[in-house]
Each structure stands twice: as C-alpha cells, then as structure tokens.
Amino acid sequence: MRRFQAGDVDAFTQLYELHLRGLLNFFFRLCWDASLAEDFAQEVLLRVFKSAKQWEPNAKFTTFLYRVARNFWIDHCRLLSTQKEKVSLNAPGDKDDLSLMDRLPDDIRPPEDDLDRRELYGAIMKALDQLPEEQRMVFVLSEIEEMKYHEIAEVMDIPVGTVKSRMHTAVAKLQELLGDYKPLNTR
C-alpha cells in the first residue's frame, strides 16, 4: 500500500490480486450469492483505491481493508428494504435454476464425490445464515479470514471483549444448530 500511496499503480494491482479472494469469501459468507459477493468485493477495492491516502502505514492493511468491507456491508444492509428470504441450499434459483450449492465458487465448493462432506458444508452454511449479523461477521472474520480478535475489534470498531463475547455466542449457537446434524449417508 505504501508503494501505491507513493504513486506506483502496479502496486495496487498486486494488492487487488492478493486480497480479492479473501473479500469474495468474506462477502459470500454474508450474502450467499457469488455474483453479489463479487460485486461487493469490487466495490470495496474501488473504495480502497479512492481512499488510499487515508491509510496510515502504522496500521495493518488488512485491518483497513476489512473495515472498509464491513462499512460497505453495513451500508448495503441499511439500503435493503425487504427481509432476506430463506431458501434451501439445493433449491433451484430464480434466474438460472442453479441452487446456492451449484453457485459456490469452485475453490470453496465441497467435493462432489464426498456426499457427507457436502451435506455437512450445507448444514454449516445454513446454520451460519441463522446467526445474527454481528455474530456471523465476527465468526467469518475469525474462522474464515483467520483474523485475531484485536484485528476484528479494530475492523468492527468494538472492544476486544465484545468480539470474544460475540464469538463465544456464535460458536455456542452453531453447536446448538448443528448438534442434531446427522448425515443422510450414514454407513
């Protein structure tokens, strides 16, 4: 980022390539729509490009990036006028008759030959979707983006204790939701 701030446009291309996949995964796990996740990631990277001068070199770039992503997500949620409709992960979609499972990006799609794993993955996605927004975001940043609690606190602008509390509650809720999970393919 320092190189980009100094005028090296190619440095931003490297930042883009380095962080795009993480942003895609972050947004996908919040909205469960690969196309929207891609649009959101592009918009966040554009905002980072435009606000590069605001980044302080003493702050970690990923913290800055995910704070922009979090703020974008909050803005997006405020604009939504309707509640998110609950759908089956394997139900056909409106536009192209592809299910949510079929729309997963290849690098996070469960292996086709492992039915139990695919079922578990679907159950986890469904359970994640049932978490309140704040808990889901903390869980995604911690377990999927592998951020430390103090980094999550900076991104979300909350105390570390609140991060720990939300994470504890999210894990407990996921355990509760998945506690009765039994694969269909029991041998």
Protein backbone atom coordinates (compact mmCIF):
# COMPACT_ATOMS: atom_id res chain seq x y z
CA MET A 1 0.00 0.00 0.00
CA ARG A 2 2.90 2.34 0.70
CA ARG A 3 4.12 1.86 -2.88
CA PHE A 4 0.64 2.66 -4.19
CA GLN A 5 0.43 5.76 -1.99
CA ALA A 6 3.77 6.81 -3.48
CA GLY A 7 2.30 6.61 -6.99
CA ASP A 8 3.06 3.02 -8.09
CA VAL A 9 -0.24 1.96 -9.71
CA ASP A 10 1.08 -1.58 -10.31
CA ALA A 11 1.34 -1.99 -6.55
CA PHE A 12 -2.44 -1.70 -6.29
CA THR A 13 -2.81 -4.45 -8.88
CA GLN A 14 -0.76 -6.67 -6.59
CA LEU A 15 -2.92 -5.70 -3.59
CA TYR A 16 -6.02 -6.42 -5.66
CA GLU A 17 -4.81 -9.89 -6.64
CA LEU A 18 -3.64 -10.66 -3.11
CA HIS A 19 -6.88 -9.69 -1.34
CA LEU A 20 -9.68 -10.31 -3.87
CA ARG A 21 -10.22 -13.97 -2.94
CA GLY A 22 -10.46 -13.14 0.78
CA LEU A 23 -13.02 -10.41 0.13
CA LEU A 24 -15.03 -12.72 -2.13
CA ASN A 25 -15.15 -15.35 0.60
CA PHE A 26 -15.98 -12.74 3.25
CA PHE A 27 -18.93 -11.35 1.32
CA PHE A 28 -20.11 -14.75 0.07
CA ARG A 29 -20.45 -15.95 3.65
CA LEU A 30 -22.51 -12.87 4.45
CA CYS A 31 -24.86 -12.89 1.44
CA TRP A 32 -24.59 -16.46 0.00
CA ASP A 33 -24.58 -15.09 -3.55
CA ALA A 34 -21.35 -15.41 -5.55
CA SER A 35 -22.33 -12.71 -8.03
CA LEU A 36 -23.20 -10.21 -5.30
CA ALA A 37 -20.05 -11.14 -3.39
CA GLU A 38 -18.01 -10.35 -6.49
CA ASP A 39 -19.77 -7.01 -6.96
CA PHE A 40 -19.25 -6.14 -3.29
CA ALA A 41 -15.56 -7.11 -3.35
CA GLN A 42 -15.01 -4.99 -6.48
CA GLU A 43 -16.76 -2.03 -4.88
CA VAL A 44 -14.70 -2.32 -1.70
CA LEU A 45 -11.46 -2.49 -3.67
CA LEU A 46 -12.56 0.57 -5.65
CA ARG A 47 -13.26 2.41 -2.39
CA VAL A 48 -9.84 1.40 -1.06
CA PHE A 49 -8.28 2.66 -4.31
CA LYS A 50 -10.04 6.01 -3.92
CA SER A 51 -9.27 6.35 -0.22
CA ALA A 52 -5.68 5.09 -0.24
CA LYS A 53 -4.40 8.34 1.23
CA GLN A 54 -6.43 7.68 4.40
CA TRP A 55 -4.50 4.50 5.21
CA GLU A 56 -1.89 5.03 7.91
CA PRO A 57 1.32 2.99 7.43
CA ASN A 58 1.34 2.10 11.14
CA ALA A 59 -1.98 0.24 10.71
CA LYS A 60 -2.18 -3.22 9.18
CA PHE A 61 -3.54 -3.01 5.63
CA THR A 62 -5.92 -5.95 6.07
CA THR A 63 -7.49 -4.20 9.06
CA PHE A 64 -8.07 -1.12 6.90
CA LEU A 65 -9.41 -3.27 4.04
CA TYR A 66 -11.87 -5.22 6.17
CA ARG A 67 -13.04 -2.08 7.94
CA VAL A 68 -13.95 -0.67 4.52
CA ALA A 69 -15.63 -4.01 3.70
CA ARG A 70 -17.56 -4.02 6.98
CA ASN A 71 -18.72 -0.43 6.49
CA PHE A 72 -19.78 -1.25 2.94
CA TRP A 73 -21.78 -4.26 4.20
CA ILE A 74 -23.48 -2.13 6.86
CA ASP A 75 -24.39 0.48 4.23
CA HIS A 76 -25.74 -2.26 1.98
CA CYS A 77 -27.87 -3.75 4.78
CA ARG A 78 -29.32 -0.34 5.56
CA LEU A 79 -30.43 0.03 1.95
CA LEU A 80 -32.25 -3.27 1.86
CA SER A 81 -35.95 -2.67 2.20
CA THR A 82 -37.06 -6.30 2.48
CA GLN A 83 -36.07 -9.18 4.71
CA LYS A 84 -33.81 -11.85 3.30
CA GLU A 85 -35.89 -14.79 2.10
CA LYS A 86 -34.91 -18.21 3.47
CA VAL A 87 -34.27 -20.77 0.74
CA SER A 88 -32.95 -24.28 0.55
CA LEU A 89 -29.30 -24.53 -0.42
CA ASN A 90 -30.25 -27.05 -3.09
CA ALA A 91 -33.46 -25.38 -4.31
CA PRO A 92 -33.40 -24.05 -7.89
CA GLY A 93 -32.71 -20.33 -8.17
CA ASP A 94 -34.88 -17.71 -9.83
CA LYS A 95 -32.63 -16.66 -12.67
CA ASP A 96 -30.78 -19.72 -13.90
CA ASP A 97 -32.26 -22.66 -11.96
CA LEU A 98 -28.91 -23.18 -10.22
CA SER A 99 -29.04 -23.88 -6.50
CA LEU A 100 -26.95 -21.95 -3.98
CA MET A 101 -24.72 -25.02 -3.70
CA ASP A 102 -24.23 -25.00 -7.50
CA ARG A 103 -23.30 -21.31 -7.44
CA LEU A 104 -20.47 -21.73 -4.94
CA PRO A 105 -17.10 -20.66 -6.32
CA ASP A 106 -15.01 -23.72 -7.22
CA ASP A 107 -12.38 -23.11 -4.55
CA ILE A 108 -14.93 -23.24 -1.72
CA ARG A 109 -17.30 -25.80 -3.21
CA PRO A 110 -17.32 -29.10 -1.38
CA PRO A 111 -16.02 -32.09 -3.35
CA GLU A 112 -18.73 -33.72 -5.46
CA ASP A 113 -17.64 -37.24 -4.56
CA ASP A 114 -17.97 -36.68 -0.82
CA LEU A 115 -21.70 -36.55 -0.11
CA ASP A 116 -21.35 -36.47 3.69
CA ARG A 117 -18.97 -33.55 3.48
CA ARG A 118 -21.26 -31.72 1.08
CA GLU A 119 -24.21 -32.23 3.41
CA LEU A 120 -22.21 -31.01 6.41
CA TYR A 121 -21.00 -27.99 4.44
CA GLY A 122 -24.60 -27.15 3.54
CA ALA A 123 -25.69 -27.56 7.16
CA ILE A 124 -22.89 -25.24 8.32
CA MET A 125 -23.81 -22.62 5.71
CA LYS A 126 -27.45 -22.80 6.75
CA ALA A 127 -26.51 -22.51 10.43
CA LEU A 128 -24.22 -19.54 9.73
CA ASP A 129 -27.08 -17.82 7.97
CA GLN A 130 -29.18 -18.13 11.13
CA LEU A 131 -26.66 -16.21 13.26
CA PRO A 132 -27.32 -12.54 13.95
CA GLU A 133 -25.27 -10.29 11.65
CA GLU A 134 -22.76 -9.19 14.31
CA GLN A 135 -22.03 -12.76 15.41
CA ARG A 136 -21.75 -14.04 11.85
CA MET A 137 -19.32 -11.27 10.92
CA VAL A 138 -17.11 -11.98 13.95
CA PHE A 139 -17.19 -15.71 13.19
CA VAL A 140 -16.36 -15.21 9.50
CA LEU A 141 -13.50 -12.80 10.24
CA SER A 142 -12.07 -15.11 12.91
CA GLU A 143 -12.54 -18.58 11.47
CA ILE A 144 -12.54 -17.96 7.74
CA GLU A 145 -10.39 -14.85 7.32
CA GLU A 146 -8.21 -16.00 10.25
CA MET A 147 -8.05 -12.59 11.89
CA LYS A 148 -7.01 -12.18 15.51
CA TYR A 149 -9.54 -10.82 17.99
CA HIS A 150 -7.76 -7.46 18.29
CA GLU A 151 -7.83 -7.09 14.49
CA ILE A 152 -11.55 -7.89 14.41
CA ALA A 153 -12.09 -5.32 17.16
CA GLU A 154 -10.36 -2.68 15.02
CA VAL A 155 -12.31 -3.65 11.90
CA MET A 156 -15.66 -3.62 13.67
CA ASP A 157 -14.83 -0.70 15.96
CA ILE A 158 -15.79 -2.62 19.10
CA PRO A 159 -13.88 -3.68 22.22
CA VAL A 160 -11.95 -6.98 22.16
CA GLY A 161 -14.21 -8.23 24.96
CA THR A 162 -17.24 -7.74 22.72
CA VAL A 163 -15.50 -9.70 19.95
CA LYS A 164 -14.84 -12.55 22.39
CA SER A 165 -18.42 -12.47 23.64
CA ARG A 166 -19.90 -12.49 20.12
CA MET A 167 -17.55 -15.29 19.08
CA HIS A 168 -18.44 -17.37 22.13
CA THR A 169 -22.15 -16.85 21.49
CA ALA A 170 -21.76 -17.63 17.76
CA VAL A 171 -19.90 -20.87 18.47
CA ALA A 172 -22.48 -21.90 21.08
CA LYS A 173 -25.34 -21.16 18.67
CA LEU A 174 -23.63 -23.06 15.84
CA GLN A 175 -23.07 -26.03 18.14
CA GLU A 176 -26.73 -25.89 19.11
CA LEU A 177 -27.88 -25.66 15.49
CA LEU A 178 -25.53 -28.39 14.30
CA GLY A 179 -25.81 -30.59 17.40
CA ASP A 180 -28.61 -32.65 15.90
CA TYR A 181 -26.95 -32.86 12.48
CA LYS A 182 -26.75 -36.39 11.21
CA PRO A 183 -25.54 -37.06 7.68
CA LEU A 184 -28.05 -38.67 5.35
CA ASN A 185 -25.35 -41.02 4.17
CA THR A 186 -24.76 -42.96 7.40
CA ARG A 187 -22.95 -46.24 6.86
